[in-house]
Each structure stands twice: as structure tokens, then as C-alpha cells.
Amino acid sequence: MEKDSWRLKQPTQKVVEYLDGLTIDGKNIEFVSDVQAKPISKNYVEVKVTFIASDYKLLKKKFGNRSSD
């Protein structure tokens, strides 16, 4: 993501951290090993999350083009 590109399109994600994980827009993220949150303006916070996953895939297409993977 380009630096400061969030200024063009406003973020809508809601992040809630718990003792045993976190949610992003209500979706559970488990096996979280680190969360760093830093306010960047009155209405926005930069959140960095590190977690362990069972798999990773890089798709060579833009996020908005999410037809069947």
C-alpha cells in the first residue's frame, strides 16, 4: 500500500483486541503474537498485527477483483 494512500479512501475497519486474540470487523483472528496500535489522527489509528497462519497465498490481482479464488 502506498504511503498515506488511506487519505484517498477512508478506512472502515473496526479492530477489537482481547486477551486471547482480536477481531477485525467481527472476524476472529487467533494465534496473535503482537499488536501495535498508534493513533495517526483524531479519527484513525494505525494497527500492526502479527499472527501465525496455517497457509499464505499471494494473488497477482487487485483486492477489489475478488471473483472465485
PDB file of N, CA and C in Angstrom:
ATOM      1  N   MET A   1       0.845  -1.176   0.000  1.00  0.00           N
ATOM      2  CA  MET A   1       0.000   0.000   0.000  1.00  0.00           C
ATOM      3  C   MET A   1       0.888   1.236   0.000  1.00  0.00           C
ATOM      4  N   GLU A   2       0.545   2.208  -0.817  1.00  0.00           N
ATOM      5  CA  GLU A   2       1.328   3.426  -0.876  1.00  0.00           C
ATOM      6  C   GLU A   2       1.208   4.215   0.417  1.00  0.00           C
ATOM      7  N   LYS A   3       2.293   4.868   0.775  1.00  0.00           N
ATOM      8  CA  LYS A   3       2.298   5.688   1.994  1.00  0.00           C
ATOM      9  C   LYS A   3       1.216   6.759   1.880  1.00  0.00           C
ATOM     10  N   ASP A   4       0.422   6.900   2.925  1.00  0.00           N
ATOM     11  CA  ASP A   4      -0.653   7.896   3.008  1.00  0.00           C
ATOM     12  C   ASP A   4      -1.785   7.677   2.005  1.00  0.00           C
ATOM     13  N   SER A   5      -1.867   6.499   1.359  1.00  0.00           N
ATOM     14  CA  SER A   5      -2.961   6.255   0.416  1.00  0.00           C
ATOM     15  C   SER A   5      -4.305   6.190   1.127  1.00  0.00           C
ATOM     16  N   TRP A   6      -4.298   5.965   2.456  1.00  0.00           N
ATOM     17  CA  TRP A   6      -5.543   5.935   3.231  1.00  0.00           C
ATOM     18  C   TRP A   6      -6.249   7.272   3.177  1.00  0.00           C
ATOM     19  N   ARG A   7      -5.544   8.350   2.840  1.00  0.00           N
ATOM     20  CA  ARG A   7      -6.169   9.672   2.782  1.00  0.00           C
ATOM     21  C   ARG A   7      -7.162   9.771   1.619  1.00  0.00           C
ATOM     22  N   LEU A   8      -6.985   8.965   0.579  1.00  0.00           N
ATOM     23  CA  LEU A   8      -7.866   8.997  -0.581  1.00  0.00           C
ATOM     24  C   LEU A   8      -9.163   8.237  -0.323  1.00  0.00           C
ATOM     25  N   LYS A   9      -9.066   7.072   0.257  1.00  0.00           N
ATOM     26  CA  LYS A   9     -10.216   6.238   0.602  1.00  0.00           C
ATOM     27  C   LYS A   9     -10.197   6.037   2.110  1.00  0.00           C
ATOM     28  N   GLN A  10     -11.258   6.347   2.770  1.00  0.00           N
ATOM     29  CA  GLN A  10     -11.285   6.321   4.231  1.00  0.00           C
ATOM     30  C   GLN A  10     -11.418   4.896   4.771  1.00  0.00           C
ATOM     31  N   PRO A  11     -10.593   4.531   5.770  1.00  0.00           N
ATOM     32  CA  PRO A  11     -10.674   3.199   6.371  1.00  0.00           C
ATOM     33  C   PRO A  11     -11.989   3.007   7.129  1.00  0.00           C
ATOM     34  N   THR A  12     -12.477   1.772   7.118  1.00  0.00           N
ATOM     35  CA  THR A  12     -13.727   1.460   7.812  1.00  0.00           C
ATOM     36  C   THR A  12     -13.570   0.316   8.804  1.00  0.00           C
ATOM     37  N   GLN A  13     -12.406  -0.333   8.849  1.00  0.00           N
ATOM     38  CA  GLN A  13     -12.210  -1.493   9.712  1.00  0.00           C
ATOM     39  C   GLN A  13     -12.300  -1.103  11.184  1.00  0.00           C
ATOM     40  N   LYS A  14     -12.935  -1.980  11.938  1.00  0.00           N
ATOM     41  CA  LYS A  14     -13.032  -1.830  13.389  1.00  0.00           C
ATOM     42  C   LYS A  14     -12.262  -2.990  14.024  1.00  0.00           C
ATOM     43  N   VAL A  15     -11.253  -2.675  14.828  1.00  0.00           N
ATOM     44  CA  VAL A  15     -10.406  -3.687  15.453  1.00  0.00           C
ATOM     45  C   VAL A  15     -10.654  -3.682  16.960  1.00  0.00           C
ATOM     46  N   VAL A  16     -10.869  -4.883  17.526  1.00  0.00           N
ATOM     47  CA  VAL A  16     -11.041  -5.039  18.975  1.00  0.00           C
ATOM     48  C   VAL A  16     -10.048  -6.099  19.436  1.00  0.00           C
ATOM     49  N   GLU A  17      -9.197  -5.725  20.400  1.00  0.00           N
ATOM     50  CA  GLU A  17      -8.202  -6.664  20.922  1.00  0.00           C
ATOM     51  C   GLU A  17      -8.697  -7.269  22.234  1.00  0.00           C
ATOM     52  N   TYR A  18      -8.516  -8.574  22.370  1.00  0.00           N
ATOM     53  CA  TYR A  18      -8.858  -9.322  23.583  1.00  0.00           C
ATOM     54  C   TYR A  18      -7.588  -9.948  24.145  1.00  0.00           C
ATOM     55  N   LEU A  19      -7.674 -10.578  25.284  1.00  0.00           N
ATOM     56  CA  LEU A  19      -6.513 -11.234  25.874  1.00  0.00           C
ATOM     57  C   LEU A  19      -6.016 -12.406  25.029  1.00  0.00           C
ATOM     58  N   ASP A  20      -6.919 -13.057  24.280  1.00  0.00           N
ATOM     59  CA  ASP A  20      -6.543 -14.254  23.526  1.00  0.00           C
ATOM     60  C   ASP A  20      -6.692 -14.103  22.008  1.00  0.00           C
ATOM     61  N   GLY A  21      -6.745 -12.898  21.500  1.00  0.00           N
ATOM     62  CA  GLY A  21      -6.851 -12.689  20.063  1.00  0.00           C
ATOM     63  C   GLY A  21      -7.441 -11.333  19.769  1.00  0.00           C
ATOM     64  N   LEU A  22      -7.940 -11.159  18.561  1.00  0.00           N
ATOM     65  CA  LEU A  22      -8.592  -9.919  18.211  1.00  0.00           C
ATOM     66  C   LEU A  22      -9.614 -10.162  17.114  1.00  0.00           C
ATOM     67  N   THR A  23     -10.452  -9.171  16.896  1.00  0.00           N
ATOM     68  CA  THR A  23     -11.408  -9.230  15.798  1.00  0.00           C
ATOM     69  C   THR A  23     -11.174  -8.031  14.900  1.00  0.00           C
ATOM     70  N   ILE A  24     -11.385  -8.248  13.617  1.00  0.00           N
ATOM     71  CA  ILE A  24     -11.394  -7.180  12.628  1.00  0.00           C
ATOM     72  C   ILE A  24     -12.748  -7.266  11.948  1.00  0.00           C
ATOM     73  N   ASP A  25     -13.552  -6.237  12.139  1.00  0.00           N
ATOM     74  CA  ASP A  25     -14.926  -6.226  11.632  1.00  0.00           C
ATOM     75  C   ASP A  25     -15.687  -7.478  12.054  1.00  0.00           C
ATOM     76  N   GLY A  26     -15.460  -7.919  13.291  1.00  0.00           N
ATOM     77  CA  GLY A  26     -16.174  -9.069  13.826  1.00  0.00           C
ATOM     78  C   GLY A  26     -15.578 -10.419  13.462  1.00  0.00           C
ATOM     79  N   LYS A  27     -14.557 -10.462  12.620  1.00  0.00           N
ATOM     80  CA  LYS A  27     -13.926 -11.731  12.232  1.00  0.00           C
ATOM     81  C   LYS A  27     -12.789 -12.040  13.197  1.00  0.00           C
ATOM     82  N   ASN A  28     -12.853 -13.204  13.832  1.00  0.00           N
ATOM     83  CA  ASN A  28     -11.835 -13.601  14.811  1.00  0.00           C
ATOM     84  C   ASN A  28     -10.493 -13.844  14.151  1.00  0.00           C
ATOM     85  N   ILE A  29      -9.444 -13.305  14.750  1.00  0.00           N
ATOM     86  CA  ILE A  29      -8.065 -13.586  14.362  1.00  0.00           C
ATOM     87  C   ILE A  29      -7.413 -14.210  15.581  1.00  0.00           C
ATOM     88  N   GLU A  30      -7.018 -15.476  15.462  1.00  0.00           N
ATOM     89  CA  GLU A  30      -6.416 -16.192  16.582  1.00  0.00           C
ATOM     90  C   GLU A  30      -4.908 -16.301  16.374  1.00  0.00           C
ATOM     91  N   PHE A  31      -4.221 -16.824  17.372  1.00  0.00           N
ATOM     92  CA  PHE A  31      -2.776 -17.033  17.346  1.00  0.00           C
ATOM     93  C   PHE A  31      -2.029 -15.721  17.081  1.00  0.00           C
ATOM     94  N   VAL A  32      -2.511 -14.662  17.714  1.00  0.00           N
ATOM     95  CA  VAL A  32      -1.901 -13.344  17.588  1.00  0.00           C
ATOM     96  C   VAL A  32      -0.699 -13.278  18.512  1.00  0.00           C
ATOM     97  N   SER A  33       0.450 -12.885  17.972  1.00  0.00           N
ATOM     98  CA  SER A  33       1.651 -12.780  18.801  1.00  0.00           C
ATOM     99  C   SER A  33       2.040 -11.339  19.102  1.00  0.00           C
ATOM    100  N   ASP A  34       1.516 -10.375  18.338  1.00  0.00           N
ATOM    101  CA  ASP A  34       1.853  -8.978  18.597  1.00  0.00           C
ATOM    102  C   ASP A  34       0.802  -8.064  17.986  1.00  0.00           C
ATOM    103  N   VAL A  35       0.442  -7.023  18.729  1.00  0.00           N
ATOM    104  CA  VAL A  35      -0.453  -5.982  18.232  1.00  0.00           C
ATOM    105  C   VAL A  35       0.155  -4.643  18.635  1.00  0.00           C
ATOM    106  N   GLN A  36       0.299  -3.768  17.664  1.00  0.00           N
ATOM    107  CA  GLN A  36       0.785  -2.422  17.934  1.00  0.00           C
ATOM    108  C   GLN A  36      -0.237  -1.445  17.361  1.00  0.00           C
ATOM    109  N   ALA A  37      -0.705  -0.544  18.187  1.00  0.00           N
ATOM    110  CA  ALA A  37      -1.684   0.444  17.748  1.00  0.00           C
ATOM    111  C   ALA A  37      -1.131   1.839  18.025  1.00  0.00           C
ATOM    112  N   LYS A  38      -1.186   2.696  16.994  1.00  0.00           N
ATOM    113  CA  LYS A  38      -0.657   4.046  17.128  1.00  0.00           C
ATOM    114  C   LYS A  38      -1.653   5.031  16.519  1.00  0.00           C
ATOM    115  N   PRO A  39      -2.164   5.966  17.313  1.00  0.00           N
ATOM    116  CA  PRO A  39      -3.056   6.981  16.750  1.00  0.00           C
ATOM    117  C   PRO A  39      -2.314   7.810  15.693  1.00  0.00           C
ATOM    118  N   ILE A  40      -2.955   8.022  14.537  1.00  0.00           N
ATOM    119  CA  ILE A  40      -2.330   8.829  13.489  1.00  0.00           C
ATOM    120  C   ILE A  40      -3.124  10.096  13.188  1.00  0.00           C
ATOM    121  N   SER A  41      -4.329  10.171  13.715  1.00  0.00           N
ATOM    122  CA  SER A  41      -5.144  11.379  13.607  1.00  0.00           C
ATOM    123  C   SER A  41      -6.250  11.278  14.649  1.00  0.00           C
ATOM    124  N   LYS A  42      -7.119  12.248  14.664  1.00  0.00           N
ATOM    125  CA  LYS A  42      -8.228  12.245  15.625  1.00  0.00           C
ATOM    126  C   LYS A  42      -9.153  11.045  15.412  1.00  0.00           C
ATOM    127  N   ASN A  43      -9.330  10.622  14.170  1.00  0.00           N
ATOM    128  CA  ASN A  43     -10.301   9.571  13.841  1.00  0.00           C
ATOM    129  C   ASN A  43      -9.691   8.240  13.404  1.00  0.00           C
ATOM    130  N   TYR A  44      -8.366   8.148  13.313  1.00  0.00           N
ATOM    131  CA  TYR A  44      -7.760   6.934  12.767  1.00  0.00           C
ATOM    132  C   TYR A  44      -6.585   6.466  13.612  1.00  0.00           C
ATOM    133  N   VAL A  45      -6.389   5.150  13.582  1.00  0.00           N
ATOM    134  CA  VAL A  45      -5.283   4.529  14.304  1.00  0.00           C
ATOM    135  C   VAL A  45      -4.604   3.542  13.353  1.00  0.00           C
ATOM    136  N   GLU A  46      -3.290   3.507  13.381  1.00  0.00           N
ATOM    137  CA  GLU A  46      -2.535   2.529  12.597  1.00  0.00           C
ATOM    138  C   GLU A  46      -2.378   1.288  13.459  1.00  0.00           C
ATOM    139  N   VAL A  47      -2.821   0.131  12.953  1.00  0.00           N
ATOM    140  CA  VAL A  47      -2.751  -1.118  13.713  1.00  0.00           C
ATOM    141  C   VAL A  47      -1.875  -2.095  12.947  1.00  0.00           C
ATOM    142  N   LYS A  48      -0.851  -2.607  13.621  1.00  0.00           N
ATOM    143  CA  LYS A  48       0.014  -3.643  13.059  1.00  0.00           C
ATOM    144  C   LYS A  48      -0.230  -4.916  13.855  1.00  0.00           C
ATOM    145  N   VAL A  49      -0.573  -5.995  13.132  1.00  0.00           N
ATOM    146  CA  VAL A  49      -0.911  -7.266  13.771  1.00  0.00           C
ATOM    147  C   VAL A  49       0.025  -8.345  13.241  1.00  0.00           C
ATOM    148  N   THR A  50       0.593  -9.113  14.144  1.00  0.00           N
ATOM    149  CA  THR A  50       1.387 -10.278  13.767  1.00  0.00           C
ATOM    150  C   THR A  50       0.671 -11.506  14.304  1.00  0.00           C
ATOM    151  N   PHE A  51       0.424 -12.478  13.415  1.00  0.00           N
ATOM    152  CA  PHE A  51      -0.244 -13.700  13.843  1.00  0.00           C
ATOM    153  C   PHE A  51       0.284 -14.881  13.050  1.00  0.00           C
ATOM    154  N   ILE A  52       0.070 -16.069  13.571  1.00  0.00           N
ATOM    155  CA  ILE A  52       0.502 -17.304  12.928  1.00  0.00           C
ATOM    156  C   ILE A  52      -0.659 -17.845  12.100  1.00  0.00           C
ATOM    157  N   ALA A  53      -0.377 -18.190  10.855  1.00  0.00           N
ATOM    158  CA  ALA A  53      -1.395 -18.715   9.942  1.00  0.00           C
ATOM    159  C   ALA A  53      -0.995 -20.109   9.469  1.00  0.00           C
ATOM    160  N   SER A  54      -1.973 -20.867   9.020  1.00  0.00           N
ATOM    161  CA  SER A  54      -1.684 -22.210   8.515  1.00  0.00           C
ATOM    162  C   SER A  54      -1.265 -22.195   7.044  1.00  0.00           C
ATOM    163  N   ASP A  55      -1.528 -21.089   6.353  1.00  0.00           N
ATOM    164  CA  ASP A  55      -1.223 -21.017   4.930  1.00  0.00           C
ATOM    165  C   ASP A  55      -1.115 -19.555   4.524  1.00  0.00           C
ATOM    166  N   TYR A  56      -0.441 -19.300   3.415  1.00  0.00           N
ATOM    167  CA  TYR A  56      -0.317 -17.952   2.862  1.00  0.00           C
ATOM    168  C   TYR A  56      -0.338 -18.063   1.352  1.00  0.00           C
ATOM    169  N   LYS A  57      -1.051 -17.156   0.721  1.00  0.00           N
ATOM    170  CA  LYS A  57      -1.135 -17.155  -0.737  1.00  0.00           C
ATOM    171  C   LYS A  57      -1.056 -15.712  -1.210  1.00  0.00           C
ATOM    172  N   LEU A  58      -0.256 -15.443  -2.244  1.00  0.00           N
ATOM    173  CA  LEU A  58      -0.183 -14.134  -2.863  1.00  0.00           C
ATOM    174  C   LEU A  58      -0.864 -14.218  -4.212  1.00  0.00           C
ATOM    175  N   LEU A  59      -1.959 -13.479  -4.363  1.00  0.00           N
ATOM    176  CA  LEU A  59      -2.676 -13.459  -5.638  1.00  0.00           C
ATOM    177  C   LEU A  59      -2.223 -12.243  -6.427  1.00  0.00           C
ATOM    178  N   LYS A  60      -1.911 -12.429  -7.682  1.00  0.00           N
ATOM    179  CA  LYS A  60      -1.407 -11.353  -8.527  1.00  0.00           C
ATOM    180  C   LYS A  60      -2.550 -10.594  -9.178  1.00  0.00           C
ATOM    181  N   LYS A  61      -3.473 -10.096  -8.339  1.00  0.00           N
ATOM    182  CA  LYS A  61      -4.561  -9.264  -8.824  1.00  0.00           C
ATOM    183  C   LYS A  61      -4.957  -8.314  -7.716  1.00  0.00           C
ATOM    184  N   LYS A  62      -5.688  -7.287  -8.063  1.00  0.00           N
ATOM    185  CA  LYS A  62      -6.094  -6.298  -7.071  1.00  0.00           C
ATOM    186  C   LYS A  62      -7.169  -6.860  -6.162  1.00  0.00           C
ATOM    187  N   PHE A  63      -7.204  -6.372  -4.923  1.00  0.00           N
ATOM    188  CA  PHE A  63      -8.127  -6.835  -3.892  1.00  0.00           C
ATOM    189  C   PHE A  63      -9.582  -6.685  -4.317  1.00  0.00           C
ATOM    190  N   GLY A  64      -9.935  -5.621  -5.016  1.00  0.00           N
ATOM    191  CA  GLY A  64     -11.310  -5.384  -5.429  1.00  0.00           C
ATOM    192  C   GLY A  64     -11.844  -6.393  -6.440  1.00  0.00           C
ATOM    193  N   ASN A  65     -10.984  -7.126  -7.120  1.00  0.00           N
ATOM    194  CA  ASN A  65     -11.379  -8.111  -8.131  1.00  0.00           C
ATOM    195  C   ASN A  65     -11.414  -9.501  -7.503  1.00  0.00           C
ATOM    196  N   ARG A  66     -12.315  -9.709  -6.537  1.00  0.00           N
ATOM    197  CA  ARG A  66     -12.327 -10.939  -5.748  1.00  0.00           C
ATOM    198  C   ARG A  66     -13.332 -11.946  -6.258  1.00  0.00           C
ATOM    199  N   SER A  67     -13.296 -12.258  -7.526  1.00  0.00           N
ATOM    200  CA  SER A  67     -14.137 -13.355  -8.003  1.00  0.00           C
ATOM    201  C   SER A  67     -13.554 -14.642  -7.431  1.00  0.00           C
ATOM    202  N   SER A  68     -14.014 -15.778  -7.830  1.00  0.00           N
ATOM    203  CA  SER A  68     -13.577 -17.047  -7.214  1.00  0.00           C
ATOM    204  C   SER A  68     -12.060 -17.183  -7.247  1.00  0.00           C
ATOM    205  N   ASP A  69     -11.491 -17.557  -6.097  1.00  0.00           N
ATOM    206  CA  ASP A  69     -10.019 -17.701  -5.969  1.00  0.00           C
ATOM    207  C   ASP A  69      -9.587 -19.099  -6.301  1.00  0.00           C
TER     208      ASP A  69
END
